[in-house]
Amino acid sequence: MTPFFILIKCQLGRSYEVANALADAEIASEIYSTAGDYDLIVKFYVDRDTDIGHFVNEKVHAVPGILDTKTIITFKAF
């Protein structure tokens, strides 16, 4: 499995709605609220042969209430 993270900026007042929608879709491993430029940081795991760009576009960007995302692809856990 390949892990990666997405920082998510939500429409004002919709961060809990977005977090709940991601949780209900059962596509995220962990979901955290954050302070700063982004409202949520979400950890995902996909199969090694999964195209992360397509996954983000089709599964994450489809969630209502998301304004912006920043995908962080990881290389190695220590």
Protein backbone atom coordinates (compact mmCIF):
# COMPACT_ATOMS: atom_id res chain seq x y z
CA MET A 1 0.00 0.00 0.00
CA THR A 2 1.14 3.54 -0.77
CA PRO A 3 0.46 6.22 1.85
CA PHE A 4 -0.08 9.89 1.06
CA PHE A 5 -1.58 12.93 2.74
CA ILE A 6 -3.93 15.65 1.55
CA LEU A 7 -4.24 19.07 3.13
CA ILE A 8 -7.80 20.30 2.60
CA LYS A 9 -9.16 23.84 2.69
CA CYS A 10 -12.94 23.87 3.22
CA GLN A 11 -15.65 26.39 2.63
CA LEU A 12 -16.29 28.44 5.77
CA GLY A 13 -18.22 26.44 8.34
CA ARG A 14 -18.08 23.17 6.41
CA SER A 15 -14.95 21.44 7.75
CA TYR A 16 -16.91 19.02 9.95
CA GLU A 17 -19.24 18.24 7.06
CA VAL A 18 -16.27 17.49 4.79
CA ALA A 19 -14.55 15.38 7.45
CA ASN A 20 -17.74 13.38 8.02
CA ALA A 21 -18.24 12.86 4.28
CA LEU A 22 -14.68 11.50 3.95
CA ALA A 23 -15.20 9.24 6.97
CA ASP A 24 -18.54 7.99 5.60
CA ALA A 25 -16.93 7.22 2.22
CA GLU A 26 -14.39 4.99 4.02
CA ILE A 27 -11.54 6.13 1.78
CA ALA A 28 -9.35 7.78 4.43
CA SER A 29 -7.17 6.13 7.03
CA GLU A 30 -7.02 9.13 9.40
CA ILE A 31 -8.66 12.57 9.41
CA TYR A 32 -7.47 15.47 11.57
CA SER A 33 -8.65 19.06 11.93
CA THR A 34 -5.84 21.61 11.83
CA ALA A 35 -5.20 25.29 12.41
CA GLY A 36 -3.60 27.48 9.76
CA ASP A 37 -3.92 27.63 6.00
CA TYR A 38 -5.75 24.30 5.73
CA ASP A 39 -8.67 22.94 7.76
CA LEU A 40 -8.01 19.20 7.54
CA ILE A 41 -5.10 16.84 7.01
CA VAL A 42 -6.12 13.42 5.78
CA LYS A 43 -4.04 10.26 5.42
CA PHE A 44 -4.87 7.82 2.65
CA TYR A 45 -3.55 4.42 1.59
CA VAL A 46 -3.99 3.14 -1.96
CA ASP A 47 -2.75 0.06 -3.78
CA ARG A 48 0.67 0.53 -5.36
CA ASP A 49 -0.80 0.42 -8.87
CA THR A 50 -3.44 3.09 -8.12
CA ASP A 51 -2.99 6.44 -9.88
CA ILE A 52 -3.02 8.92 -6.99
CA GLY A 53 -4.01 11.81 -9.25
CA HIS A 54 -7.10 9.99 -10.45
CA PHE A 55 -7.94 8.89 -6.91
CA VAL A 56 -7.76 12.47 -5.60
CA ASN A 57 -9.73 13.84 -8.54
CA GLU A 58 -12.47 11.21 -8.45
CA LYS A 59 -12.80 10.40 -4.74
CA VAL A 60 -11.68 13.50 -2.81
CA HIS A 61 -12.48 16.45 -5.06
CA ALA A 62 -16.01 15.08 -5.45
CA VAL A 63 -16.77 15.82 -1.77
CA PRO A 64 -18.92 18.97 -1.48
CA GLY A 65 -17.45 21.81 0.58
CA ILE A 66 -13.81 21.46 -0.48
CA LEU A 67 -12.21 24.66 -1.78
CA ASP A 68 -8.59 23.61 -2.26
CA THR A 69 -6.26 20.67 -1.70
CA LYS A 70 -2.54 20.04 -1.49
CA THR A 71 -1.38 16.47 -1.97
CA ILE A 72 1.78 15.30 -0.19
CA ILE A 73 3.28 12.09 -1.52
CA THR A 74 5.56 10.31 0.91
CA PHE A 75 8.61 8.18 0.20
CA LYS A 76 9.60 6.28 3.34
CA ALA A 77 8.47 5.92 6.96
CA PHE A 78 11.12 5.83 9.67
